[in-house]
Amino acid sequence: MAGYGVRKRETAVLAGGPADGVRIKVTDRPSVLQVTRPCGAEVPADDVRVEALYIYRRDLRVDDEPLRYGFDPASP
């Protein structure tokens, strides 16, 4: 099969939320991206880190580069 094993990398831009305007490279157009931001812990614990989690979903109406991922305000 032609192209077997070839993975396409494309530019995408994140819209809204804490990563608004960030441009990234994605492979195979994932439908969801996860963005994390470290949080400071008052009392650090060994081998434990705390991060805020944000979800971005691909805008299926955009078919050309840059792909667009919109912030999901219902992120956990």
N, C-alpha and C. Protein backbone atom coordinates (compact mmCIF):
# COMPACT_ATOMS: atom_id res chain seq x y z
N MET A 1 0.85 -1.16 0.00
CA MET A 1 0.00 0.00 0.00
C MET A 1 0.90 1.23 0.00
N ALA A 2 0.65 2.16 -0.90
CA ALA A 2 1.44 3.39 -0.99
C ALA A 2 1.24 4.23 0.25
N GLY A 3 2.33 4.76 0.79
CA GLY A 3 2.24 5.63 1.96
C GLY A 3 2.13 4.90 3.28
N TYR A 4 2.21 3.57 3.25
CA TYR A 4 2.09 2.81 4.49
C TYR A 4 3.19 3.23 5.45
N GLY A 5 2.84 3.56 6.66
CA GLY A 5 3.82 3.96 7.66
C GLY A 5 4.19 5.43 7.61
N VAL A 6 3.72 6.15 6.60
CA VAL A 6 4.00 7.59 6.50
C VAL A 6 2.96 8.33 7.31
N ARG A 7 3.43 9.17 8.22
CA ARG A 7 2.52 9.91 9.09
C ARG A 7 2.64 11.39 8.75
N LYS A 8 1.54 12.04 8.50
CA LYS A 8 1.53 13.44 8.10
C LYS A 8 1.56 14.35 9.32
N ARG A 9 2.51 15.29 9.32
CA ARG A 9 2.61 16.30 10.38
C ARG A 9 2.09 17.61 9.83
N GLU A 10 1.22 18.26 10.63
CA GLU A 10 0.62 19.52 10.20
C GLU A 10 0.70 20.55 11.33
N THR A 11 0.63 21.80 10.95
CA THR A 11 0.60 22.88 11.92
C THR A 11 -0.83 23.06 12.41
N ALA A 12 -0.97 23.31 13.70
CA ALA A 12 -2.27 23.57 14.30
C ALA A 12 -2.13 24.75 15.25
N VAL A 13 -3.23 25.45 15.46
CA VAL A 13 -3.24 26.57 16.39
C VAL A 13 -4.33 26.32 17.44
N LEU A 14 -4.00 26.63 18.70
CA LEU A 14 -4.96 26.47 19.79
C LEU A 14 -5.71 27.78 19.98
N ALA A 15 -7.02 27.70 20.14
CA ALA A 15 -7.85 28.90 20.27
C ALA A 15 -8.59 28.89 21.60
N GLY A 16 -8.46 29.99 22.35
CA GLY A 16 -9.13 30.12 23.63
C GLY A 16 -8.36 29.46 24.75
N GLY A 17 -8.86 29.63 25.95
CA GLY A 17 -8.24 29.00 27.12
C GLY A 17 -6.83 29.49 27.40
N PRO A 18 -6.12 28.77 28.25
CA PRO A 18 -4.80 29.23 28.69
C PRO A 18 -3.72 29.14 27.61
N ALA A 19 -3.93 28.37 26.56
CA ALA A 19 -2.92 28.22 25.50
C ALA A 19 -3.34 28.94 24.22
N ASP A 20 -4.18 29.95 24.34
CA ASP A 20 -4.69 30.69 23.18
C ASP A 20 -3.55 31.20 22.31
N GLY A 21 -3.61 30.86 21.02
CA GLY A 21 -2.63 31.33 20.06
C GLY A 21 -1.39 30.47 19.91
N VAL A 22 -1.24 29.45 20.75
CA VAL A 22 -0.07 28.58 20.66
C VAL A 22 -0.16 27.77 19.38
N ARG A 23 0.95 27.73 18.62
CA ARG A 23 1.03 26.93 17.40
C ARG A 23 1.86 25.69 17.69
N ILE A 24 1.37 24.55 17.20
CA ILE A 24 2.04 23.28 17.44
C ILE A 24 2.05 22.45 16.16
N LYS A 25 2.78 21.36 16.18
CA LYS A 25 2.75 20.37 15.10
C LYS A 25 2.02 19.14 15.63
N VAL A 26 1.06 18.64 14.83
CA VAL A 26 0.32 17.44 15.20
C VAL A 26 0.52 16.39 14.12
N THR A 27 0.37 15.14 14.49
CA THR A 27 0.49 14.02 13.56
C THR A 27 -0.84 13.30 13.47
N ASP A 28 -1.31 13.08 12.25
CA ASP A 28 -2.53 12.31 11.99
C ASP A 28 -3.81 12.95 12.55
N ARG A 29 -3.81 14.26 12.68
CA ARG A 29 -5.02 15.01 13.08
C ARG A 29 -5.77 14.43 14.27
N PRO A 30 -5.19 14.40 15.44
CA PRO A 30 -5.92 13.89 16.61
C PRO A 30 -7.16 14.74 16.86
N SER A 31 -8.21 14.13 17.36
CA SER A 31 -9.46 14.87 17.59
C SER A 31 -9.41 15.68 18.87
N VAL A 32 -8.58 15.28 19.82
CA VAL A 32 -8.49 15.96 21.11
C VAL A 32 -7.04 16.13 21.50
N LEU A 33 -6.72 17.30 22.06
CA LEU A 33 -5.38 17.55 22.61
C LEU A 33 -5.52 17.86 24.09
N GLN A 34 -4.55 17.46 24.84
CA GLN A 34 -4.51 17.71 26.28
C GLN A 34 -3.35 18.66 26.56
N VAL A 35 -3.64 19.76 27.23
CA VAL A 35 -2.62 20.73 27.61
C VAL A 35 -2.57 20.77 29.13
N THR A 36 -1.37 20.75 29.69
CA THR A 36 -1.23 20.83 31.14
C THR A 36 -0.39 22.04 31.52
N ARG A 37 -0.66 22.54 32.70
CA ARG A 37 0.10 23.65 33.26
C ARG A 37 0.44 23.27 34.69
N PRO A 38 1.74 23.37 35.07
CA PRO A 38 2.12 23.00 36.43
C PRO A 38 1.47 23.91 37.47
N CYS A 39 1.14 23.34 38.60
CA CYS A 39 0.61 24.08 39.74
C CYS A 39 1.60 23.93 40.90
N GLY A 40 1.77 24.99 41.64
CA GLY A 40 2.66 24.92 42.79
C GLY A 40 1.97 24.28 43.97
N ALA A 41 2.66 23.40 44.64
CA ALA A 41 2.12 22.75 45.84
C ALA A 41 2.74 23.44 47.06
N GLU A 42 1.92 23.74 48.07
CA GLU A 42 2.43 24.40 49.27
C GLU A 42 3.46 23.55 50.00
N VAL A 43 3.19 22.26 50.07
CA VAL A 43 4.13 21.35 50.71
C VAL A 43 4.48 20.28 49.68
N PRO A 44 5.63 20.42 49.01
CA PRO A 44 6.00 19.43 47.99
C PRO A 44 6.13 18.03 48.57
N ALA A 45 5.66 17.06 47.82
CA ALA A 45 5.77 15.66 48.23
C ALA A 45 6.70 14.94 47.25
N ASP A 46 7.39 13.94 47.75
CA ASP A 46 8.30 13.19 46.89
C ASP A 46 7.55 12.56 45.72
N ASP A 47 8.11 12.74 44.53
CA ASP A 47 7.60 12.12 43.30
C ASP A 47 6.13 12.45 43.00
N VAL A 48 5.64 13.60 43.46
CA VAL A 48 4.27 14.01 43.19
C VAL A 48 4.30 15.38 42.54
N ARG A 49 3.52 15.54 41.50
CA ARG A 49 3.38 16.86 40.89
C ARG A 49 1.90 17.12 40.64
N VAL A 50 1.53 18.36 40.64
CA VAL A 50 0.14 18.76 40.43
C VAL A 50 0.11 19.60 39.17
N GLU A 51 -0.82 19.28 38.27
CA GLU A 51 -0.95 20.02 37.03
C GLU A 51 -2.42 20.27 36.74
N ALA A 52 -2.70 21.46 36.19
CA ALA A 52 -4.04 21.77 35.71
C ALA A 52 -4.17 21.17 34.31
N LEU A 53 -5.30 20.58 33.99
CA LEU A 53 -5.53 19.89 32.73
C LEU A 53 -6.55 20.67 31.91
N TYR A 54 -6.23 20.91 30.63
CA TYR A 54 -7.13 21.62 29.72
C TYR A 54 -7.28 20.78 28.45
N ILE A 55 -8.49 20.75 27.91
CA ILE A 55 -8.78 19.97 26.72
C ILE A 55 -9.09 20.90 25.55
N TYR A 56 -8.52 20.57 24.40
CA TYR A 56 -8.79 21.30 23.14
C TYR A 56 -9.29 20.29 22.13
N ARG A 57 -10.39 20.64 21.45
CA ARG A 57 -10.99 19.73 20.46
C ARG A 57 -10.83 20.31 19.05
N ARG A 58 -10.55 19.42 18.10
CA ARG A 58 -10.32 19.87 16.72
C ARG A 58 -11.60 20.39 16.10
N ASP A 59 -11.48 21.53 15.43
CA ASP A 59 -12.59 22.12 14.69
C ASP A 59 -12.67 21.40 13.35
N LEU A 60 -13.68 20.56 13.17
CA LEU A 60 -13.80 19.74 11.98
C LEU A 60 -14.14 20.55 10.73
N ARG A 61 -14.52 21.80 10.90
CA ARG A 61 -14.82 22.66 9.75
C ARG A 61 -13.55 23.16 9.08
N VAL A 62 -12.43 23.10 9.78
CA VAL A 62 -11.15 23.56 9.23
C VAL A 62 -10.41 22.36 8.67
N ASP A 63 -10.17 22.37 7.35
CA ASP A 63 -9.54 21.23 6.70
C ASP A 63 -8.13 21.53 6.19
N ASP A 64 -7.72 22.79 6.22
CA ASP A 64 -6.39 23.19 5.75
C ASP A 64 -5.55 23.69 6.92
N GLU A 65 -4.23 23.72 6.71
CA GLU A 65 -3.35 24.26 7.74
C GLU A 65 -3.50 25.76 7.84
N PRO A 66 -3.38 26.33 9.01
CA PRO A 66 -3.24 25.60 10.26
C PRO A 66 -4.57 25.02 10.71
N LEU A 67 -4.52 23.78 11.19
CA LEU A 67 -5.71 23.19 11.79
C LEU A 67 -6.05 24.01 13.02
N ARG A 68 -7.28 23.92 13.48
CA ARG A 68 -7.69 24.71 14.64
C ARG A 68 -8.25 23.79 15.71
N TYR A 69 -7.79 24.03 16.94
CA TYR A 69 -8.29 23.30 18.10
C TYR A 69 -8.85 24.32 19.07
N GLY A 70 -10.11 24.16 19.43
CA GLY A 70 -10.78 25.09 20.33
C GLY A 70 -10.81 24.58 21.76
N PHE A 71 -10.66 25.51 22.68
CA PHE A 71 -10.70 25.19 24.11
C PHE A 71 -12.07 24.66 24.48
N ASP A 72 -12.09 23.59 25.25
CA ASP A 72 -13.33 23.02 25.76
C ASP A 72 -13.51 23.51 27.19
N PRO A 73 -14.45 24.45 27.41
CA PRO A 73 -14.61 25.01 28.75
C PRO A 73 -15.12 23.99 29.77
N ALA A 74 -15.57 22.84 29.31
CA ALA A 74 -16.03 21.81 30.23
C ALA A 74 -14.88 20.87 30.62
N SER A 75 -13.64 21.31 30.37
CA SER A 75 -12.48 20.50 30.74
C SER A 75 -12.54 20.13 32.21
N PRO A 76 -12.07 18.91 32.50
CA PRO A 76 -12.09 18.49 33.90
C PRO A 76 -11.18 19.36 34.76
